[in-house]
Amino acid sequence: MIRLNIHEAKTHFSRYIERVEKGETVIVCRHNRPVAELRPLPGGSHKSRSLGIDRGKFAVGKAFFKPLPKDLLAGFRGEKP
């Protein structure tokens, strides 16, 4: 566990975040009194998702590709229908 003051944390923030990512805990103090704790979040493994994993699980109907109504398009542009 690392203890440091706010000035040190601000000055070298990215350095301490790297250490937190590696599993360390950082205690940030103001006038030697702990005020915050930086620690890694649980479940840190992020697997990249492959494209097409939901292929065949749903269908997009033909109505999806039809033009939107003029009043709805006007609303997107901030115009009054």
PDB file of N, CA and C in Angstrom:
ATOM      1  N   MET A   1       0.845  -1.173   0.000  1.00  0.00           N
ATOM      2  CA  MET A   1       0.000   0.000   0.000  1.00  0.00           C
ATOM      3  C   MET A   1       0.891   1.238   0.000  1.00  0.00           C
ATOM      4  N   ILE A   2       0.522   2.213  -0.816  1.00  0.00           N
ATOM      5  CA  ILE A   2       1.276   3.454  -0.940  1.00  0.00           C
ATOM      6  C   ILE A   2       0.466   4.570  -0.300  1.00  0.00           C
ATOM      7  N   ARG A   3       1.120   5.403   0.506  1.00  0.00           N
ATOM      8  CA  ARG A   3       0.481   6.589   1.088  1.00  0.00           C
ATOM      9  C   ARG A   3       1.190   7.806   0.536  1.00  0.00           C
ATOM     10  N   LEU A   4       0.426   8.785   0.065  1.00  0.00           N
ATOM     11  CA  LEU A   4       1.037  10.002  -0.463  1.00  0.00           C
ATOM     12  C   LEU A   4       0.095  11.171  -0.280  1.00  0.00           C
ATOM     13  N   ASN A   5       0.668  12.380  -0.353  1.00  0.00           N
ATOM     14  CA  ASN A   5      -0.168  13.564  -0.177  1.00  0.00           C
ATOM     15  C   ASN A   5      -0.782  13.966  -1.515  1.00  0.00           C
ATOM     16  N   ILE A   6      -1.744  14.869  -1.453  1.00  0.00           N
ATOM     17  CA  ILE A   6      -2.499  15.259  -2.639  1.00  0.00           C
ATOM     18  C   ILE A   6      -1.591  15.854  -3.705  1.00  0.00           C
ATOM     19  N   HIS A   7      -0.654  16.688  -3.302  1.00  0.00           N
ATOM     20  CA  HIS A   7       0.252  17.310  -4.275  1.00  0.00           C
ATOM     21  C   HIS A   7       1.034  16.245  -5.045  1.00  0.00           C
ATOM     22  N   GLU A   8       1.558  15.264  -4.348  1.00  0.00           N
ATOM     23  CA  GLU A   8       2.300  14.183  -4.989  1.00  0.00           C
ATOM     24  C   GLU A   8       1.396  13.394  -5.929  1.00  0.00           C
ATOM     25  N   ALA A   9       0.153  13.145  -5.510  1.00  0.00           N
ATOM     26  CA  ALA A   9      -0.796  12.403  -6.342  1.00  0.00           C
ATOM     27  C   ALA A   9      -1.107  13.176  -7.621  1.00  0.00           C
ATOM     28  N   LYS A  10      -1.310  14.494  -7.510  1.00  0.00           N
ATOM     29  CA  LYS A  10      -1.600  15.308  -8.684  1.00  0.00           C
ATOM     30  C   LYS A  10      -0.406  15.381  -9.619  1.00  0.00           C
ATOM     31  N   THR A  11       0.773  15.506  -9.052  1.00  0.00           N
ATOM     32  CA  THR A  11       1.982  15.664  -9.857  1.00  0.00           C
ATOM     33  C   THR A  11       2.297  14.405 -10.662  1.00  0.00           C
ATOM     34  N   HIS A  12       2.105  13.242 -10.070  1.00  0.00           N
ATOM     35  CA  HIS A  12       2.486  11.981 -10.709  1.00  0.00           C
ATOM     36  C   HIS A  12       1.298  11.028 -10.827  1.00  0.00           C
ATOM     37  N   PHE A  13       0.121  11.579 -11.149  1.00  0.00           N
ATOM     38  CA  PHE A  13      -1.110  10.780 -11.171  1.00  0.00           C
ATOM     39  C   PHE A  13      -1.004   9.559 -12.085  1.00  0.00           C
ATOM     40  N   SER A  14      -0.543   9.748 -13.307  1.00  0.00           N
ATOM     41  CA  SER A  14      -0.496   8.629 -14.249  1.00  0.00           C
ATOM     42  C   SER A  14       0.454   7.534 -13.761  1.00  0.00           C
ATOM     43  N   ARG A  15       1.521   7.907 -13.088  1.00  0.00           N
ATOM     44  CA  ARG A  15       2.459   6.915 -12.530  1.00  0.00           C
ATOM     45  C   ARG A  15       1.757   6.046 -11.486  1.00  0.00           C
ATOM     46  N   TYR A  16       0.960   6.667 -10.628  1.00  0.00           N
ATOM     47  CA  TYR A  16       0.270   5.909  -9.584  1.00  0.00           C
ATOM     48  C   TYR A  16      -0.887   5.091 -10.152  1.00  0.00           C
ATOM     49  N   ILE A  17      -1.537   5.595 -11.194  1.00  0.00           N
ATOM     50  CA  ILE A  17      -2.594   4.813 -11.833  1.00  0.00           C
ATOM     51  C   ILE A  17      -2.007   3.540 -12.437  1.00  0.00           C
ATOM     52  N   GLU A  18      -0.830   3.626 -13.018  1.00  0.00           N
ATOM     53  CA  GLU A  18      -0.168   2.428 -13.552  1.00  0.00           C
ATOM     54  C   GLU A  18       0.072   1.401 -12.452  1.00  0.00           C
ATOM     55  N   ARG A  19       0.470   1.865 -11.285  1.00  0.00           N
ATOM     56  CA  ARG A  19       0.713   0.949 -10.169  1.00  0.00           C
ATOM     57  C   ARG A  19      -0.596   0.339  -9.677  1.00  0.00           C
ATOM     58  N   VAL A  20      -1.668   1.133  -9.679  1.00  0.00           N
ATOM     59  CA  VAL A  20      -2.979   0.615  -9.286  1.00  0.00           C
ATOM     60  C   VAL A  20      -3.426  -0.458 -10.273  1.00  0.00           C
ATOM     61  N   GLU A  21      -3.195  -0.222 -11.564  1.00  0.00           N
ATOM     62  CA  GLU A  21      -3.563  -1.212 -12.580  1.00  0.00           C
ATOM     63  C   GLU A  21      -2.833  -2.533 -12.370  1.00  0.00           C
ATOM     64  N   LYS A  22      -1.662  -2.475 -11.744  1.00  0.00           N
ATOM     65  CA  LYS A  22      -0.894  -3.692 -11.474  1.00  0.00           C
ATOM     66  C   LYS A  22      -1.315  -4.358 -10.167  1.00  0.00           C
ATOM     67  N   GLY A  23      -2.290  -3.751  -9.449  1.00  0.00           N
ATOM     68  CA  GLY A  23      -2.830  -4.387  -8.258  1.00  0.00           C
ATOM     69  C   GLY A  23      -2.537  -3.681  -6.948  1.00  0.00           C
ATOM     70  N   GLU A  24      -1.771  -2.607  -6.952  1.00  0.00           N
ATOM     71  CA  GLU A  24      -1.455  -1.906  -5.703  1.00  0.00           C
ATOM     72  C   GLU A  24      -2.601  -0.984  -5.294  1.00  0.00           C
ATOM     73  N   THR A  25      -2.633  -0.622  -4.028  1.00  0.00           N
ATOM     74  CA  THR A  25      -3.604   0.327  -3.497  1.00  0.00           C
ATOM     75  C   THR A  25      -2.864   1.589  -3.096  1.00  0.00           C
ATOM     76  N   VAL A  26      -3.440   2.742  -3.430  1.00  0.00           N
ATOM     77  CA  VAL A  26      -2.835   4.033  -3.118  1.00  0.00           C
ATOM     78  C   VAL A  26      -3.785   4.786  -2.189  1.00  0.00           C
ATOM     79  N   ILE A  27      -3.265   5.245  -1.054  1.00  0.00           N
ATOM     80  CA  ILE A  27      -4.032   6.064  -0.111  1.00  0.00           C
ATOM     81  C   ILE A  27      -3.577   7.510  -0.297  1.00  0.00           C
ATOM     82  N   VAL A  28      -4.532   8.391  -0.582  1.00  0.00           N
ATOM     83  CA  VAL A  28      -4.230   9.808  -0.767  1.00  0.00           C
ATOM     84  C   VAL A  28      -4.577  10.531   0.526  1.00  0.00           C
ATOM     85  N   CYS A  29      -3.634  11.339   1.020  1.00  0.00           N
ATOM     86  CA  CYS A  29      -3.804  12.018   2.312  1.00  0.00           C
ATOM     87  C   CYS A  29      -3.790  13.535   2.147  1.00  0.00           C
ATOM     88  N   ARG A  30      -4.511  14.193   3.051  1.00  0.00           N
ATOM     89  CA  ARG A  30      -4.445  15.655   3.183  1.00  0.00           C
ATOM     90  C   ARG A  30      -3.985  15.924   4.605  1.00  0.00           C
ATOM     91  N   HIS A  31      -2.837  16.586   4.741  1.00  0.00           N
ATOM     92  CA  HIS A  31      -2.245  16.855   6.051  1.00  0.00           C
ATOM     93  C   HIS A  31      -2.066  15.562   6.845  1.00  0.00           C
ATOM     94  N   ASN A  32      -1.570  14.524   6.147  1.00  0.00           N
ATOM     95  CA  ASN A  32      -1.288  13.203   6.733  1.00  0.00           C
ATOM     96  C   ASN A  32      -2.538  12.464   7.222  1.00  0.00           C
ATOM     97  N   ARG A  33      -3.725  12.902   6.792  1.00  0.00           N
ATOM     98  CA  ARG A  33      -4.963  12.192   7.127  1.00  0.00           C
ATOM     99  C   ARG A  33      -5.540  11.595   5.858  1.00  0.00           C
ATOM    100  N   PRO A  34      -5.788  10.291   5.807  1.00  0.00           N
ATOM    101  CA  PRO A  34      -6.317   9.665   4.598  1.00  0.00           C
ATOM    102  C   PRO A  34      -7.666  10.248   4.200  1.00  0.00           C
ATOM    103  N   VAL A  35      -7.798  10.582   2.909  1.00  0.00           N
ATOM    104  CA  VAL A  35      -9.060  11.118   2.394  1.00  0.00           C
ATOM    105  C   VAL A  35      -9.594  10.321   1.207  1.00  0.00           C
ATOM    106  N   ALA A  36      -8.746   9.531   0.561  1.00  0.00           N
ATOM    107  CA  ALA A  36      -9.200   8.766  -0.600  1.00  0.00           C
ATOM    108  C   ALA A  36      -8.340   7.525  -0.786  1.00  0.00           C
ATOM    109  N   GLU A  37      -8.928   6.560  -1.442  1.00  0.00           N
ATOM    110  CA  GLU A  37      -8.217   5.325  -1.731  1.00  0.00           C
ATOM    111  C   GLU A  37      -8.373   5.004  -3.213  1.00  0.00           C
ATOM    112  N   LEU A  38      -7.265   4.761  -3.878  1.00  0.00           N
ATOM    113  CA  LEU A  38      -7.284   4.312  -5.272  1.00  0.00           C
ATOM    114  C   LEU A  38      -6.934   2.841  -5.269  1.00  0.00           C
ATOM    115  N   ARG A  39      -7.819   2.032  -5.837  1.00  0.00           N
ATOM    116  CA  ARG A  39      -7.567   0.593  -5.868  1.00  0.00           C
ATOM    117  C   ARG A  39      -8.114   0.040  -7.168  1.00  0.00           C
ATOM    118  N   PRO A  40      -7.586  -1.091  -7.610  1.00  0.00           N
ATOM    119  CA  PRO A  40      -8.065  -1.655  -8.867  1.00  0.00           C
ATOM    120  C   PRO A  40      -9.494  -2.157  -8.735  1.00  0.00           C
ATOM    121  N   LEU A  41     -10.239  -2.062  -9.806  1.00  0.00           N
ATOM    122  CA  LEU A  41     -11.598  -2.584  -9.827  1.00  0.00           C
ATOM    123  C   LEU A  41     -11.566  -4.093 -10.023  1.00  0.00           C
ATOM    124  N   PRO A  42     -12.531  -4.798  -9.444  1.00  0.00           N
ATOM    125  CA  PRO A  42     -12.563  -6.254  -9.626  1.00  0.00           C
ATOM    126  C   PRO A  42     -12.912  -6.622 -11.066  1.00  0.00           C
ATOM    127  N   GLY A  43     -12.507  -7.805 -11.454  1.00  0.00           N
ATOM    128  CA  GLY A  43     -12.820  -8.289 -12.805  1.00  0.00           C
ATOM    129  C   GLY A  43     -12.064  -7.559 -13.875  1.00  0.00           C
ATOM    130  N   GLY A  44     -10.780  -7.404 -13.695  1.00  0.00           N
ATOM    131  CA  GLY A  44      -9.974  -6.598 -14.587  1.00  0.00           C
ATOM    132  C   GLY A  44      -9.691  -7.180 -15.949  1.00  0.00           C
ATOM    133  N   SER A  45     -10.005  -8.442 -16.199  1.00  0.00           N
ATOM    134  CA  SER A  45      -9.677  -8.995 -17.511  1.00  0.00           C
ATOM    135  C   SER A  45     -10.747  -8.599 -18.522  1.00  0.00           C
ATOM    136  N   HIS A  46     -10.326  -7.920 -19.548  1.00  0.00           N
ATOM    137  CA  HIS A  46     -11.228  -7.480 -20.605  1.00  0.00           C
ATOM    138  C   HIS A  46     -10.877  -8.235 -21.871  1.00  0.00           C
ATOM    139  N   LYS A  47     -11.786  -9.079 -22.293  1.00  0.00           N
ATOM    140  CA  LYS A  47     -11.576  -9.812 -23.529  1.00  0.00           C
ATOM    141  C   LYS A  47     -12.189  -9.013 -24.670  1.00  0.00           C
ATOM    142  N   SER A  48     -11.500  -8.966 -25.791  1.00  0.00           N
ATOM    143  CA  SER A  48     -12.072  -8.270 -26.929  1.00  0.00           C
ATOM    144  C   SER A  48     -13.198  -9.121 -27.511  1.00  0.00           C
ATOM    145  N   ARG A  49     -14.234  -8.443 -27.929  1.00  0.00           N
ATOM    146  CA  ARG A  49     -15.392  -9.147 -28.482  1.00  0.00           C
ATOM    147  C   ARG A  49     -15.228  -9.284 -29.984  1.00  0.00           C
ATOM    148  N   SER A  50     -15.592 -10.427 -30.489  1.00  0.00           N
ATOM    149  CA  SER A  50     -15.498 -10.642 -31.932  1.00  0.00           C
ATOM    150  C   SER A  50     -16.786 -10.183 -32.603  1.00  0.00           C
ATOM    151  N   LEU A  51     -16.664  -9.788 -33.856  1.00  0.00           N
ATOM    152  CA  LEU A  51     -17.829  -9.334 -34.610  1.00  0.00           C
ATOM    153  C   LEU A  51     -18.720 -10.510 -34.974  1.00  0.00           C
ATOM    154  N   GLY A  52     -20.011 -10.278 -34.985  1.00  0.00           N
ATOM    155  CA  GLY A  52     -20.964 -11.273 -35.438  1.00  0.00           C
ATOM    156  C   GLY A  52     -21.352 -12.318 -34.415  1.00  0.00           C
ATOM    157  N   ILE A  53     -21.108 -12.077 -33.114  1.00  0.00           N
ATOM    158  CA  ILE A  53     -21.419 -13.096 -32.116  1.00  0.00           C
ATOM    159  C   ILE A  53     -22.922 -13.299 -31.937  1.00  0.00           C
ATOM    160  N   ASP A  54     -23.737 -12.313 -32.356  1.00  0.00           N
ATOM    161  CA  ASP A  54     -25.190 -12.445 -32.243  1.00  0.00           C
ATOM    162  C   ASP A  54     -25.848 -12.743 -33.590  1.00  0.00           C
ATOM    163  N   ARG A  55     -25.053 -13.130 -34.552  1.00  0.00           N
ATOM    164  CA  ARG A  55     -25.588 -13.431 -35.882  1.00  0.00           C
ATOM    165  C   ARG A  55     -26.677 -14.502 -35.783  1.00  0.00           C
ATOM    166  N   GLY A  56     -27.821 -14.206 -36.387  1.00  0.00           N
ATOM    167  CA  GLY A  56     -28.930 -15.153 -36.406  1.00  0.00           C
ATOM    168  C   GLY A  56     -29.821 -15.112 -35.178  1.00  0.00           C
ATOM    169  N   LYS A  57     -29.508 -14.285 -34.195  1.00  0.00           N
ATOM    170  CA  LYS A  57     -30.313 -14.227 -32.974  1.00  0.00           C
ATOM    171  C   LYS A  57     -31.472 -13.246 -33.084  1.00  0.00           C
ATOM    172  N   PHE A  58     -31.428 -12.338 -34.061  1.00  0.00           N
ATOM    173  CA  PHE A  58     -32.537 -11.411 -34.269  1.00  0.00           C
ATOM    174  C   PHE A  58     -32.549 -11.000 -35.739  1.00  0.00           C
ATOM    175  N   ALA A  59     -33.660 -10.437 -36.148  1.00  0.00           N
ATOM    176  CA  ALA A  59     -33.813 -10.015 -37.534  1.00  0.00           C
ATOM    177  C   ALA A  59     -34.233  -8.555 -37.570  1.00  0.00           C
ATOM    178  N   VAL A  60     -33.752  -7.841 -38.567  1.00  0.00           N
ATOM    179  CA  VAL A  60     -34.134  -6.451 -38.787  1.00  0.00           C
ATOM    180  C   VAL A  60     -35.169  -6.441 -39.894  1.00  0.00           C
ATOM    181  N   GLY A  61     -36.347  -5.915 -39.571  1.00  0.00           N
ATOM    182  CA  GLY A  61     -37.438  -5.898 -40.540  1.00  0.00           C
ATOM    183  C   GLY A  61     -37.225  -4.878 -41.643  1.00  0.00           C
ATOM    184  N   LYS A  62     -37.996  -5.008 -42.728  1.00  0.00           N
ATOM    185  CA  LYS A  62     -37.876  -4.101 -43.872  1.00  0.00           C
ATOM    186  C   LYS A  62     -38.238  -2.670 -43.496  1.00  0.00           C
ATOM    187  N   ALA A  63     -39.124  -2.490 -42.526  1.00  0.00           N
ATOM    188  CA  ALA A  63     -39.547  -1.149 -42.119  1.00  0.00           C
ATOM    189  C   ALA A  63     -38.379  -0.337 -41.546  1.00  0.00           C
ATOM    190  N   PHE A  64     -37.380  -1.003 -41.056  1.00  0.00           N
ATOM    191  CA  PHE A  64     -36.213  -0.320 -40.500  1.00  0.00           C
ATOM    192  C   PHE A  64     -35.525   0.536 -41.556  1.00  0.00           C
ATOM    193  N   PHE A  65     -35.542   0.097 -42.792  1.00  0.00           N
ATOM    194  CA  PHE A  65     -34.815   0.771 -43.861  1.00  0.00           C
ATOM    195  C   PHE A  65     -35.642   1.819 -44.595  1.00  0.00           C
ATOM    196  N   LYS A  66     -36.921   1.970 -44.232  1.00  0.00           N
ATOM    197  CA  LYS A  66     -37.763   2.981 -44.862  1.00  0.00           C
ATOM    198  C   LYS A  66     -37.379   4.359 -44.337  1.00  0.00           C
ATOM    199  N   PRO A  67     -37.581   5.413 -45.149  1.00  0.00           N
ATOM    200  CA  PRO A  67     -37.280   6.775 -44.686  1.00  0.00           C
ATOM    201  C   PRO A  67     -38.124   7.147 -43.465  1.00  0.00           C
ATOM    202  N   LEU A  68     -37.569   7.965 -42.610  1.00  0.00           N
ATOM    203  CA  LEU A  68     -38.298   8.426 -41.426  1.00  0.00           C
ATOM    204  C   LEU A  68     -39.350   9.448 -41.835  1.00  0.00           C
ATOM    205  N   PRO A  69     -40.422   9.564 -41.041  1.00  0.00           N
ATOM    206  CA  PRO A  69     -41.451  10.573 -41.329  1.00  0.00           C
ATOM    207  C   PRO A  69     -40.858  11.986 -41.251  1.00  0.00           C
ATOM    208  N   LYS A  70     -41.422  12.897 -42.062  1.00  0.00           N
ATOM    209  CA  LYS A  70     -40.893  14.268 -42.141  1.00  0.00           C
ATOM    210  C   LYS A  70     -40.950  14.988 -40.797  1.00  0.00           C
ATOM    211  N   ASP A  71     -42.015  14.766 -40.009  1.00  0.00           N
ATOM    212  CA  ASP A  71     -42.120  15.454 -38.716  1.00  0.00           C
ATOM    213  C   ASP A  71     -41.035  14.972 -37.750  1.00  0.00           C
ATOM    214  N   LEU A  72     -40.682  13.704 -37.825  1.00  0.00           N
ATOM    215  CA  LEU A  72     -39.620  13.185 -36.962  1.00  0.00           C
ATOM    216  C   LEU A  72     -38.264  13.747 -37.381  1.00  0.00           C
ATOM    217  N   LEU A  73     -37.999  13.806 -38.681  1.00  0.00           N
ATOM    218  CA  LEU A  73     -36.753  14.382 -39.167  1.00  0.00           C
ATOM    219  C   LEU A  73     -36.643  15.856 -38.779  1.00  0.00           C
ATOM    220  N   ALA A  74     -37.759  16.577 -38.848  1.00  0.00           N
ATOM    221  CA  ALA A  74     -37.760  17.988 -38.449  1.00  0.00           C
ATOM    222  C   ALA A  74     -37.410  18.129 -36.971  1.00  0.00           C
ATOM    223  N   GLY A  75     -37.901  17.230 -36.154  1.00  0.00           N
ATOM    224  CA  GLY A  75     -37.572  17.248 -34.718  1.00  0.00           C
ATOM    225  C   GLY A  75     -36.091  17.042 -34.462  1.00  0.00           C
ATOM    226  N   PHE A  76     -35.462  16.176 -35.240  1.00  0.00           N
ATOM    227  CA  PHE A  76     -34.014  15.968 -35.103  1.00  0.00           C
ATOM    228  C   PHE A  76     -33.233  17.218 -35.468  1.00  0.00           C
ATOM    229  N   ARG A  77     -33.757  17.979 -36.402  1.00  0.00           N
ATOM    230  CA  ARG A  77     -33.079  19.211 -36.822  1.00  0.00           C
ATOM    231  C   ARG A  77     -33.413  20.400 -35.919  1.00  0.00           C
ATOM    232  N   GLY A  78     -34.310  20.193 -34.952  1.00  0.00           N
ATOM    233  CA  GLY A  78     -34.703  21.266 -34.053  1.00  0.00           C
ATOM    234  C   GLY A  78     -35.783  22.163 -34.647  1.00  0.00           C
ATOM    235  N   GLU A  79     -36.402  21.702 -35.712  1.00  0.00           N
ATOM    236  CA  GLU A  79     -37.476  22.469 -36.347  1.00  0.00           C
ATOM    237  C   GLU A  79     -38.817  22.025 -35.808  1.00  0.00           C
ATOM    238  N   LYS A  80     -39.801  22.878 -35.943  1.00  0.00           N
ATOM    239  CA  LYS A  80     -41.159  22.513 -35.536  1.00  0.00           C
ATOM    240  C   LYS A  80     -41.829  21.824 -36.715  1.00  0.00           C
ATOM    241  N   PRO A  81     -42.537  20.726 -36.484  1.00  0.00           N
ATOM    242  CA  PRO A  81     -43.188  20.011 -37.587  1.00  0.00           C
ATOM    243  C   PRO A  81     -44.321  20.773 -38.224  1.00  0.00           C
TER     244      PRO A  81
END
